[in-house]
Amino acid sequence: MYYKRTLSKSLKEANAFFKVVLLTGPRQVGKTTLLEHIKEPERTYVTLDDMDILMMAQEDPTHFFERFPPPVLIDEVQKAPNLFSYIKAIVDKSNKKGQFW
């Protein structure tokens, strides 16, 4: 069951204003469910809980972003901290808002 969250509006506004939106919080409180519920149809969802995808993100970030270009929702991104410098490089090249969640 999905409960309407008051945070939905704020996240949509942040997405329209910022290139990257990071949602953090305790485990199992519905962060991923919320983002999946409000994401646009063209936004790809990828989780780094998938070991093959995690290995790609860690070992070949260039290929990772070729396979999962923006707009993308990367779940468990903290498992591949090396992606952050690639995300910075990607967003520095474009003024498009809402590229990464």
PDB file of N, CA and C in Angstrom:
ATOM      1  N   MET A   1       0.844  -1.176   0.000  1.00  0.00           N
ATOM      2  CA  MET A   1       0.000   0.000   0.000  1.00  0.00           C
ATOM      3  C   MET A   1       0.892   1.242   0.000  1.00  0.00           C
ATOM      4  N   TYR A   2       0.527   2.211  -0.812  1.00  0.00           N
ATOM      5  CA  TYR A   2       1.281   3.461  -0.883  1.00  0.00           C
ATOM      6  C   TYR A   2       0.471   4.557  -0.214  1.00  0.00           C
ATOM      7  N   TYR A   3       1.119   5.276   0.693  1.00  0.00           N
ATOM      8  CA  TYR A   3       0.503   6.414   1.358  1.00  0.00           C
ATOM      9  C   TYR A   3       1.019   7.690   0.718  1.00  0.00           C
ATOM     10  N   LYS A   4       0.123   8.623   0.445  1.00  0.00           N
ATOM     11  CA  LYS A   4       0.561   9.900  -0.106  1.00  0.00           C
ATOM     12  C   LYS A   4       1.472  10.582   0.904  1.00  0.00           C
ATOM     13  N   ARG A   5       2.633  11.014   0.432  1.00  0.00           N
ATOM     14  CA  ARG A   5       3.624  11.638   1.300  1.00  0.00           C
ATOM     15  C   ARG A   5       3.656  13.143   1.051  1.00  0.00           C
ATOM     16  N   THR A   6       3.754  13.904   2.123  1.00  0.00           N
ATOM     17  CA  THR A   6       3.842  15.355   1.970  1.00  0.00           C
ATOM     18  C   THR A   6       5.154  15.752   1.305  1.00  0.00           C
ATOM     19  N   LEU A   7       6.151  14.885   1.370  1.00  0.00           N
ATOM     20  CA  LEU A   7       7.453  15.155   0.777  1.00  0.00           C
ATOM     21  C   LEU A   7       7.409  15.106  -0.750  1.00  0.00           C
ATOM     22  N   SER A   8       6.401  14.493  -1.331  1.00  0.00           N
ATOM     23  CA  SER A   8       6.311  14.361  -2.798  1.00  0.00           C
ATOM     24  C   SER A   8       6.408  15.711  -3.492  1.00  0.00           C
ATOM     25  N   LYS A   9       5.662  16.674  -3.025  1.00  0.00           N
ATOM     26  CA  LYS A   9       5.661  18.002  -3.653  1.00  0.00           C
ATOM     27  C   LYS A   9       7.044  18.640  -3.566  1.00  0.00           C
ATOM     28  N   SER A  10       7.682  18.556  -2.417  1.00  0.00           N
ATOM     29  CA  SER A  10       9.020  19.142  -2.238  1.00  0.00           C
ATOM     30  C   SER A  10      10.048  18.476  -3.151  1.00  0.00           C
ATOM     31  N   LEU A  11       9.957  17.167  -3.320  1.00  0.00           N
ATOM     32  CA  LEU A  11      10.885  16.465  -4.197  1.00  0.00           C
ATOM     33  C   LEU A  11      10.683  16.869  -5.652  1.00  0.00           C
ATOM     34  N   LYS A  12       9.445  17.009  -6.068  1.00  0.00           N
ATOM     35  CA  LYS A  12       9.165  17.443  -7.439  1.00  0.00           C
ATOM     36  C   LYS A  12       9.687  18.862  -7.674  1.00  0.00           C
ATOM     37  N   GLU A  13       9.528  19.734  -6.681  1.00  0.00           N
ATOM     38  CA  GLU A  13      10.048  21.096  -6.798  1.00  0.00           C
ATOM     39  C   GLU A  13      11.575  21.094  -6.855  1.00  0.00           C
ATOM     40  N   ALA A  14      12.212  20.278  -6.016  1.00  0.00           N
ATOM     41  CA  ALA A  14      13.674  20.181  -6.026  1.00  0.00           C
ATOM     42  C   ALA A  14      14.156  19.655  -7.371  1.00  0.00           C
ATOM     43  N   ASN A  15      13.443  18.694  -7.934  1.00  0.00           N
ATOM     44  CA  ASN A  15      13.800  18.124  -9.226  1.00  0.00           C
ATOM     45  C   ASN A  15      13.745  19.174 -10.336  1.00  0.00           C
ATOM     46  N   ALA A  16      12.814  20.096 -10.233  1.00  0.00           N
ATOM     47  CA  ALA A  16      12.681  21.154 -11.245  1.00  0.00           C
ATOM     48  C   ALA A  16      13.731  22.254 -11.065  1.00  0.00           C
ATOM     49  N   PHE A  17      14.392  22.297  -9.920  1.00  0.00           N
ATOM     50  CA  PHE A  17      15.330  23.370  -9.602  1.00  0.00           C
ATOM     51  C   PHE A  17      16.796  22.917  -9.625  1.00  0.00           C
ATOM     52  N   PHE A  18      17.045  21.667  -9.233  1.00  0.00           N
ATOM     53  CA  PHE A  18      18.407  21.146  -9.103  1.00  0.00           C
ATOM     54  C   PHE A  18      18.693  20.060 -10.146  1.00  0.00           C
ATOM     55  N   LYS A  19      19.953  19.890 -10.459  1.00  0.00           N
ATOM     56  CA  LYS A  19      20.364  18.837 -11.389  1.00  0.00           C
ATOM     57  C   LYS A  19      20.384  17.466 -10.716  1.00  0.00           C
ATOM     58  N   VAL A  20      20.674  17.458  -9.414  1.00  0.00           N
ATOM     59  CA  VAL A  20      20.785  16.215  -8.642  1.00  0.00           C
ATOM     60  C   VAL A  20      19.962  16.367  -7.373  1.00  0.00           C
ATOM     61  N   VAL A  21      19.207  15.314  -7.045  1.00  0.00           N
ATOM     62  CA  VAL A  21      18.439  15.285  -5.804  1.00  0.00           C
ATOM     63  C   VAL A  21      18.852  14.026  -5.048  1.00  0.00           C
ATOM     64  N   LEU A  22      19.262  14.197  -3.794  1.00  0.00           N
ATOM     65  CA  LEU A  22      19.665  13.073  -2.953  1.00  0.00           C
ATOM     66  C   LEU A  22      18.684  12.964  -1.798  1.00  0.00           C
ATOM     67  N   LEU A  23      18.060  11.812  -1.667  1.00  0.00           N
ATOM     68  CA  LEU A  23      17.134  11.559  -0.570  1.00  0.00           C
ATOM     69  C   LEU A  23      17.777  10.545   0.358  1.00  0.00           C
ATOM     70  N   THR A  24      17.976  10.944   1.606  1.00  0.00           N
ATOM     71  CA  THR A  24      18.573  10.046   2.594  1.00  0.00           C
ATOM     72  C   THR A  24      17.624   9.895   3.774  1.00  0.00           C
ATOM     73  N   GLY A  25      17.852   8.868   4.558  1.00  0.00           N
ATOM     74  CA  GLY A  25      17.043   8.630   5.742  1.00  0.00           C
ATOM     75  C   GLY A  25      17.257   7.221   6.256  1.00  0.00           C
ATOM     76  N   PRO A  26      16.595   6.883   7.354  1.00  0.00           N
ATOM     77  CA  PRO A  26      16.743   5.543   7.936  1.00  0.00           C
ATOM     78  C   PRO A  26      16.271   4.451   6.970  1.00  0.00           C
ATOM     79  N   ARG A  27      16.732   3.253   7.230  1.00  0.00           N
ATOM     80  CA  ARG A  27      16.329   2.101   6.419  1.00  0.00           C
ATOM     81  C   ARG A  27      14.833   1.820   6.570  1.00  0.00           C
ATOM     82  N   GLN A  28      14.256   1.336   5.472  1.00  0.00           N
ATOM     83  CA  GLN A  28      12.895   0.806   5.477  1.00  0.00           C
ATOM     84  C   GLN A  28      11.809   1.816   5.835  1.00  0.00           C
ATOM     85  N   VAL A  29      12.014   3.091   5.478  1.00  0.00           N
ATOM     86  CA  VAL A  29      10.980   4.094   5.763  1.00  0.00           C
ATOM     87  C   VAL A  29      10.199   4.506   4.516  1.00  0.00           C
ATOM     88  N   GLY A  30      10.587   3.965   3.342  1.00  0.00           N
ATOM     89  CA  GLY A  30       9.830   4.232   2.135  1.00  0.00           C
ATOM     90  C   GLY A  30      10.465   5.209   1.155  1.00  0.00           C
ATOM     91  N   LYS A  31      11.766   5.442   1.277  1.00  0.00           N
ATOM     92  CA  LYS A  31      12.440   6.386   0.373  1.00  0.00           C
ATOM     93  C   LYS A  31      12.323   5.925  -1.082  1.00  0.00           C
ATOM     94  N   THR A  32      12.681   4.687  -1.338  1.00  0.00           N
ATOM     95  CA  THR A  32      12.635   4.161  -2.704  1.00  0.00           C
ATOM     96  C   THR A  32      11.203   4.099  -3.211  1.00  0.00           C
ATOM     97  N   THR A  33      10.298   3.649  -2.391  1.00  0.00           N
ATOM     98  CA  THR A  33       8.889   3.569  -2.783  1.00  0.00           C
ATOM     99  C   THR A  33       8.368   4.945  -3.176  1.00  0.00           C
ATOM    100  N   LEU A  34       8.696   5.951  -2.395  1.00  0.00           N
ATOM    101  CA  LEU A  34       8.274   7.316  -2.691  1.00  0.00           C
ATOM    102  C   LEU A  34       8.826   7.772  -4.042  1.00  0.00           C
ATOM    103  N   LEU A  35      10.130   7.598  -4.255  1.00  0.00           N
ATOM    104  CA  LEU A  35      10.745   8.048  -5.495  1.00  0.00           C
ATOM    105  C   LEU A  35      10.207   7.285  -6.709  1.00  0.00           C
ATOM    106  N   GLU A  36      10.016   5.991  -6.565  1.00  0.00           N
ATOM    107  CA  GLU A  36       9.461   5.214  -7.672  1.00  0.00           C
ATOM    108  C   GLU A  36       8.038   5.674  -8.001  1.00  0.00           C
ATOM    109  N   HIS A  37       7.293   6.055  -6.986  1.00  0.00           N
ATOM    110  CA  HIS A  37       5.908   6.480  -7.187  1.00  0.00           C
ATOM    111  C   HIS A  37       5.819   7.818  -7.926  1.00  0.00           C
ATOM    112  N   ILE A  38       6.758   8.724  -7.676  1.00  0.00           N
ATOM    113  CA  ILE A  38       6.667  10.059  -8.286  1.00  0.00           C
ATOM    114  C   ILE A  38       7.536  10.211  -9.532  1.00  0.00           C
ATOM    115  N   LYS A  39       8.338   9.210  -9.863  1.00  0.00           N
ATOM    116  CA  LYS A  39       9.253   9.364 -11.005  1.00  0.00           C
ATOM    117  C   LYS A  39       8.492   9.434 -12.320  1.00  0.00           C
ATOM    118  N   GLU A  40       9.094  10.145 -13.253  1.00  0.00           N
ATOM    119  CA  GLU A  40       8.541  10.273 -14.590  1.00  0.00           C
ATOM    120  C   GLU A  40       8.753   8.971 -15.351  1.00  0.00           C
ATOM    121  N   PRO A  41       7.908   8.696 -16.352  1.00  0.00           N
ATOM    122  CA  PRO A  41       8.059   7.438 -17.106  1.00  0.00           C
ATOM    123  C   PRO A  41       9.433   7.277 -17.771  1.00  0.00           C
ATOM    124  N   GLU A  42      10.061   8.385 -18.178  1.00  0.00           N
ATOM    125  CA  GLU A  42      11.352   8.283 -18.860  1.00  0.00           C
ATOM    126  C   GLU A  42      12.539   8.100 -17.914  1.00  0.00           C
ATOM    127  N   ARG A  43      12.312   8.206 -16.600  1.00  0.00           N
ATOM    128  CA  ARG A  43      13.403   8.054 -15.631  1.00  0.00           C
ATOM    129  C   ARG A  43      13.637   6.569 -15.370  1.00  0.00           C
ATOM    130  N   THR A  44      14.856   6.121 -15.620  1.00  0.00           N
ATOM    131  CA  THR A  44      15.230   4.735 -15.381  1.00  0.00           C
ATOM    132  C   THR A  44      15.500   4.526 -13.895  1.00  0.00           C
ATOM    133  N   TYR A  45      15.047   3.385 -13.386  1.00  0.00           N
ATOM    134  CA  TYR A  45      15.357   2.987 -12.015  1.00  0.00           C
ATOM    135  C   TYR A  45      16.428   1.904 -12.072  1.00  0.00           C
ATOM    136  N   VAL A  46      17.494   2.088 -11.307  1.00  0.00           N
ATOM    137  CA  VAL A  46      18.546   1.080 -11.213  1.00  0.00           C
ATOM    138  C   VAL A  46      18.944   0.946  -9.749  1.00  0.00           C
ATOM    139  N   THR A  47      19.123  -0.284  -9.297  1.00  0.00           N
ATOM    140  CA  THR A  47      19.522  -0.499  -7.912  1.00  0.00           C
ATOM    141  C   THR A  47      20.899  -1.136  -7.841  1.00  0.00           C
ATOM    142  N   LEU A  48      21.714  -0.625  -6.961  1.00  0.00           N
ATOM    143  CA  LEU A  48      23.037  -1.186  -6.744  1.00  0.00           C
ATOM    144  C   LEU A  48      22.985  -2.347  -5.760  1.00  0.00           C
ATOM    145  N   ASP A  49      21.789  -2.802  -5.401  1.00  0.00           N
ATOM    146  CA  ASP A  49      21.635  -4.064  -4.670  1.00  0.00           C
ATOM    147  C   ASP A  49      21.865  -5.247  -5.609  1.00  0.00           C
ATOM    148  N   ASP A  50      21.726  -5.012  -6.923  1.00  0.00           N
ATOM    149  CA  ASP A  50      22.023  -6.034  -7.936  1.00  0.00           C
ATOM    150  C   ASP A  50      23.543  -6.117  -8.055  1.00  0.00           C
ATOM    151  N   MET A  51      24.112  -7.243  -7.716  1.00  0.00           N
ATOM    152  CA  MET A  51      25.573  -7.375  -7.644  1.00  0.00           C
ATOM    153  C   MET A  51      26.259  -7.141  -8.994  1.00  0.00           C
ATOM    154  N   ASP A  52      25.650  -7.566 -10.095  1.00  0.00           N
ATOM    155  CA  ASP A  52      26.253  -7.332 -11.409  1.00  0.00           C
ATOM    156  C   ASP A  52      26.292  -5.845 -11.735  1.00  0.00           C
ATOM    157  N   ILE A  53      25.208  -5.151 -11.435  1.00  0.00           N
ATOM    158  CA  ILE A  53      25.160  -3.710 -11.691  1.00  0.00           C
ATOM    159  C   ILE A  53      26.110  -2.972 -10.752  1.00  0.00           C
ATOM    160  N   LEU A  54      26.180  -3.408  -9.499  1.00  0.00           N
ATOM    161  CA  LEU A  54      27.120  -2.799  -8.555  1.00  0.00           C
ATOM    162  C   LEU A  54      28.560  -2.949  -9.048  1.00  0.00           C
ATOM    163  N   MET A  55      28.913  -4.142  -9.522  1.00  0.00           N
ATOM    164  CA  MET A  55      30.276  -4.356 -10.031  1.00  0.00           C
ATOM    165  C   MET A  55      30.556  -3.445 -11.222  1.00  0.00           C
ATOM    166  N   MET A  56      29.572  -3.281 -12.118  1.00  0.00           N
ATOM    167  CA  MET A  56      29.744  -2.387 -13.261  1.00  0.00           C
ATOM    168  C   MET A  56      29.969  -0.958 -12.775  1.00  0.00           C
ATOM    169  N   ALA A  57      29.165  -0.527 -11.801  1.00  0.00           N
ATOM    170  CA  ALA A  57      29.286   0.841 -11.274  1.00  0.00           C
ATOM    171  C   ALA A  57      30.651   1.066 -10.639  1.00  0.00           C
ATOM    172  N   GLN A  58      31.165   0.053  -9.954  1.00  0.00           N
ATOM    173  CA  GLN A  58      32.447   0.185  -9.273  1.00  0.00           C
ATOM    174  C   GLN A  58      33.634   0.069 -10.231  1.00  0.00           C
ATOM    175  N   GLU A  59      33.528  -0.839 -11.204  1.00  0.00           N
ATOM    176  CA  GLU A  59      34.672  -1.143 -12.055  1.00  0.00           C
ATOM    177  C   GLU A  59      34.697  -0.372 -13.375  1.00  0.00           C
ATOM    178  N   ASP A  60      33.531   0.028 -13.862  1.00  0.00           N
ATOM    179  CA  ASP A  60      33.473   0.717 -15.156  1.00  0.00           C
ATOM    180  C   ASP A  60      32.350   1.763 -15.153  1.00  0.00           C
ATOM    181  N   PRO A  61      32.521   2.848 -14.387  1.00  0.00           N
ATOM    182  CA  PRO A  61      31.484   3.874 -14.298  1.00  0.00           C
ATOM    183  C   PRO A  61      31.085   4.465 -15.644  1.00  0.00           C
ATOM    184  N   THR A  62      32.024   4.566 -16.575  1.00  0.00           N
ATOM    185  CA  THR A  62      31.687   5.098 -17.896  1.00  0.00           C
ATOM    186  C   THR A  62      30.643   4.220 -18.572  1.00  0.00           C
ATOM    187  N   HIS A  63      30.851   2.920 -18.543  1.00  0.00           N
ATOM    188  CA  HIS A  63      29.880   1.985 -19.123  1.00  0.00           C
ATOM    189  C   HIS A  63      28.556   2.036 -18.351  1.00  0.00           C
ATOM    190  N   PHE A  64      28.633   2.163 -17.032  1.00  0.00           N
ATOM    191  CA  PHE A  64      27.427   2.259 -16.204  1.00  0.00           C
ATOM    192  C   PHE A  64      26.546   3.409 -16.684  1.00  0.00           C
ATOM    193  N   PHE A  65      27.159   4.593 -16.909  1.00  0.00           N
ATOM    194  CA  PHE A  65      26.366   5.750 -17.331  1.00  0.00           C
ATOM    195  C   PHE A  65      25.990   5.702 -18.811  1.00  0.00           C
ATOM    196  N   GLU A  66      26.698   4.922 -19.606  1.00  0.00           N
ATOM    197  CA  GLU A  66      26.246   4.681 -20.975  1.00  0.00           C
ATOM    198  C   GLU A  66      24.990   3.809 -20.970  1.00  0.00           C
ATOM    199  N   ARG A  67      24.965   2.846 -20.068  1.00  0.00           N
ATOM    200  CA  ARG A  67      23.808   1.948 -19.960  1.00  0.00           C
ATOM    201  C   ARG A  67      22.629   2.609 -19.252  1.00  0.00           C
ATOM    202  N   PHE A  68      22.922   3.463 -18.272  1.00  0.00           N
ATOM    203  CA  PHE A  68      21.872   4.120 -17.488  1.00  0.00           C
ATOM    204  C   PHE A  68      22.064   5.639 -17.533  1.00  0.00           C
ATOM    205  N   PRO A  69      21.784   6.261 -18.671  1.00  0.00           N
ATOM    206  CA  PRO A  69      21.957   7.709 -18.777  1.00  0.00           C
ATOM    207  C   PRO A  69      20.830   8.455 -18.058  1.00  0.00           C
ATOM    208  N   PRO A  70      21.049   9.722 -17.743  1.00  0.00           N
ATOM    209  CA  PRO A  70      19.993  10.519 -17.130  1.00  0.00           C
ATOM    210  C   PRO A  70      18.802  10.674 -18.067  1.00  0.00           C
ATOM    211  N   PRO A  71      17.621  10.828 -17.505  1.00  0.00           N
ATOM    212  CA  PRO A  71      17.327  10.882 -16.066  1.00  0.00           C
ATOM    213  C   PRO A  71      17.301   9.474 -15.469  1.00  0.00           C
ATOM    214  N   VAL A  72      17.921   9.352 -14.318  1.00  0.00           N
ATOM    215  CA  VAL A  72      18.045   8.043 -13.680  1.00  0.00           C
ATOM    216  C   VAL A  72      17.874   8.176 -12.172  1.00  0.00           C
ATOM    217  N   LEU A  73      17.258   7.159 -11.590  1.00  0.00           N
ATOM    218  CA  LEU A  73      17.132   7.024 -10.145  1.00  0.00           C
ATOM    219  C   LEU A  73      18.077   5.890  -9.756  1.00  0.00           C
ATOM    220  N   ILE A  74      19.132   6.209  -9.018  1.00  0.00           N
ATOM    221  CA  ILE A  74      20.116   5.205  -8.597  1.00  0.00           C
ATOM    222  C   ILE A  74      19.874   4.897  -7.126  1.00  0.00           C
ATOM    223  N   ASP A  75      19.346   3.713  -6.879  1.00  0.00           N
ATOM    224  CA  ASP A  75      19.070   3.276  -5.511  1.00  0.00           C
ATOM    225  C   ASP A  75      20.340   2.659  -4.922  1.00  0.00           C
ATOM    226  N   GLU A  76      20.615   2.963  -3.671  1.00  0.00           N
ATOM    227  CA  GLU A  76      21.789   2.463  -2.945  1.00  0.00           C
ATOM    228  C   GLU A  76      23.094   2.998  -3.535  1.00  0.00           C
ATOM    229  N   VAL A  77      23.071   4.237  -4.013  1.00  0.00           N
ATOM    230  CA  VAL A  77      24.246   4.840  -4.654  1.00  0.00           C
ATOM    231  C   VAL A  77      25.450   4.883  -3.715  1.00  0.00           C
ATOM    232  N   GLN A  78      25.237   4.886  -2.420  1.00  0.00           N
ATOM    233  CA  GLN A  78      26.348   4.942  -1.464  1.00  0.00           C
ATOM    234  C   GLN A  78      27.249   3.712  -1.568  1.00  0.00           C
ATOM    235  N   LYS A  79      26.787   2.651  -2.210  1.00  0.00           N
ATOM    236  CA  LYS A  79      27.599   1.449  -2.368  1.00  0.00           C
ATOM    237  C   LYS A  79      28.690   1.629  -3.430  1.00  0.00           C
ATOM    238  N   ALA A  80      28.581   2.666  -4.249  1.00  0.00           N
ATOM    239  CA  ALA A  80      29.588   2.949  -5.284  1.00  0.00           C
ATOM    240  C   ALA A  80      29.937   4.427  -5.241  1.00  0.00           C
ATOM    241  N   PRO A  81      30.652   4.863  -4.201  1.00  0.00           N
ATOM    242  CA  PRO A  81      30.946   6.291  -4.042  1.00  0.00           C
ATOM    243  C   PRO A  81      31.752   6.881  -5.195  1.00  0.00           C
ATOM    244  N   ASN A  82      32.437   6.053  -5.972  1.00  0.00           N
ATOM    245  CA  ASN A  82      33.187   6.561  -7.117  1.00  0.00           C
ATOM    246  C   ASN A  82      32.267   7.152  -8.184  1.00  0.00           C
ATOM    247  N   LEU A  83      30.977   6.823  -8.150  1.00  0.00           N
ATOM    248  CA  LEU A  83      30.037   7.376  -9.123  1.00  0.00           C
ATOM    249  C   LEU A  83      29.839   8.877  -8.941  1.00  0.00           C
ATOM    250  N   PHE A  84      30.048   9.379  -7.743  1.00  0.00           N
ATOM    251  CA  PHE A  84      29.760  10.786  -7.478  1.00  0.00           C
ATOM    252  C   PHE A  84      30.602  11.735  -8.341  1.00  0.00           C
ATOM    253  N   SER A  85      31.866  11.428  -8.558  1.00  0.00           N
ATOM    254  CA  SER A  85      32.682  12.302  -9.404  1.00  0.00           C
ATOM    255  C   SER A  85      32.226  12.234 -10.858  1.00  0.00           C
ATOM    256  N   TYR A  86      31.734  11.085 -11.299  1.00  0.00           N
ATOM    257  CA  TYR A  86      31.197  10.968 -12.661  1.00  0.00           C
ATOM    258  C   TYR A  86      29.888  11.743 -12.788  1.00  0.00           C
ATOM    259  N   ILE A  87      29.055  11.656 -11.757  1.00  0.00           N
ATOM    260  CA  ILE A  87      27.796  12.418 -11.757  1.00  0.00           C
ATOM    261  C   ILE A  87      28.116  13.909 -11.842  1.00  0.00           C
ATOM    262  N   LYS A  88      29.087  14.366 -11.059  1.00  0.00           N
ATOM    263  CA  LYS A  88      29.475  15.779 -11.099  1.00  0.00           C
ATOM    264  C   LYS A  88      29.915  16.178 -12.500  1.00  0.00           C
ATOM    265  N   ALA A  89      30.744  15.349 -13.129  1.00  0.00           N
ATOM    266  CA  ALA A  89      31.225  15.662 -14.478  1.00  0.00           C
ATOM    267  C   ALA A  89      30.070  15.718 -15.481  1.00  0.00           C
ATOM    268  N   ILE A  90      29.118  14.827 -15.354  1.00  0.00           N
ATOM    269  CA  ILE A  90      27.970  14.797 -16.268  1.00  0.00           C
ATOM    270  C   ILE A  90      27.113  16.045 -16.086  1.00  0.00           C
ATOM    271  N   VAL A  91      26.794  16.389 -14.849  1.00  0.00           N
ATOM    272  CA  VAL A  91      25.905  17.538 -14.632  1.00  0.00           C
ATOM    273  C   VAL A  91      26.602  18.864 -14.907  1.00  0.00           C
ATOM    274  N   ASP A  92      27.932  18.892 -14.793  1.00  0.00           N
ATOM    275  CA  ASP A  92      28.664  20.117 -15.113  1.00  0.00           C
ATOM    276  C   ASP A  92      28.605  20.448 -16.608  1.00  0.00           C
ATOM    277  N   LYS A  93      28.317  19.445 -17.434  1.00  0.00           N
ATOM    278  CA  LYS A  93      28.259  19.643 -18.885  1.00  0.00           C
ATOM    279  C   LYS A  93      26.881  20.066 -19.383  1.00  0.00           C
ATOM    280  N   SER A  94      25.888  20.071 -18.488  1.00  0.00           N
ATOM    281  CA  SER A  94      24.514  20.348 -18.918  1.00  0.00           C
ATOM    282  C   SER A  94      23.784  21.170 -17.862  1.00  0.00           C
ATOM    283  N   ASN A  95      22.896  22.040 -18.309  1.00  0.00           N
ATOM    284  CA  ASN A  95      22.072  22.820 -17.374  1.00  0.00           C
ATOM    285  C   ASN A  95      20.725  22.148 -17.104  1.00  0.00           C
ATOM    286  N   LYS A  96      20.520  20.967 -17.663  1.00  0.00           N
ATOM    287  CA  LYS A  96      19.244  20.271 -17.484  1.00  0.00           C
ATOM    288  C   LYS A  96      19.033  19.898 -16.021  1.00  0.00           C
ATOM    289  N   LYS A  97      17.850  20.182 -15.532  1.00  0.00           N
ATOM    290  CA  LYS A  97      17.499  19.896 -14.141  1.00  0.00           C
ATOM    291  C   LYS A  97      17.010  18.453 -14.010  1.00  0.00           C
ATOM    292  N   GLY A  98      17.115  17.913 -12.788  1.00  0.00           N
ATOM    293  CA  GLY A  98      16.559  16.603 -12.485  1.00  0.00           C
ATOM    294  C   GLY A  98      17.230  15.427 -13.160  1.00  0.00           C
ATOM    295  N   GLN A  99      18.520  15.522 -13.398  1.00  0.00           N
ATOM    296  CA  GLN A  99      19.212  14.446 -14.096  1.00  0.00           C
ATOM    297  C   GLN A  99      19.377  13.181 -13.245  1.00  0.00           C
ATOM    298  N   PHE A 100      19.705  13.394 -11.981  1.00  0.00           N
ATOM    299  CA  PHE A 100      19.993  12.248 -11.104  1.00  0.00           C
ATOM    300  C   PHE A 100      19.179  12.336  -9.819  1.00  0.00           C
ATOM    301  N   TRP A 101      18.633  11.202  -9.448  1.00  0.00           N
ATOM    302  CA  TRP A 101      18.041  11.021  -8.107  1.00  0.00           C
ATOM    303  C   TRP A 101      18.815   9.916  -7.457  1.00  0.00           C
TER     304      TRP A 101
END
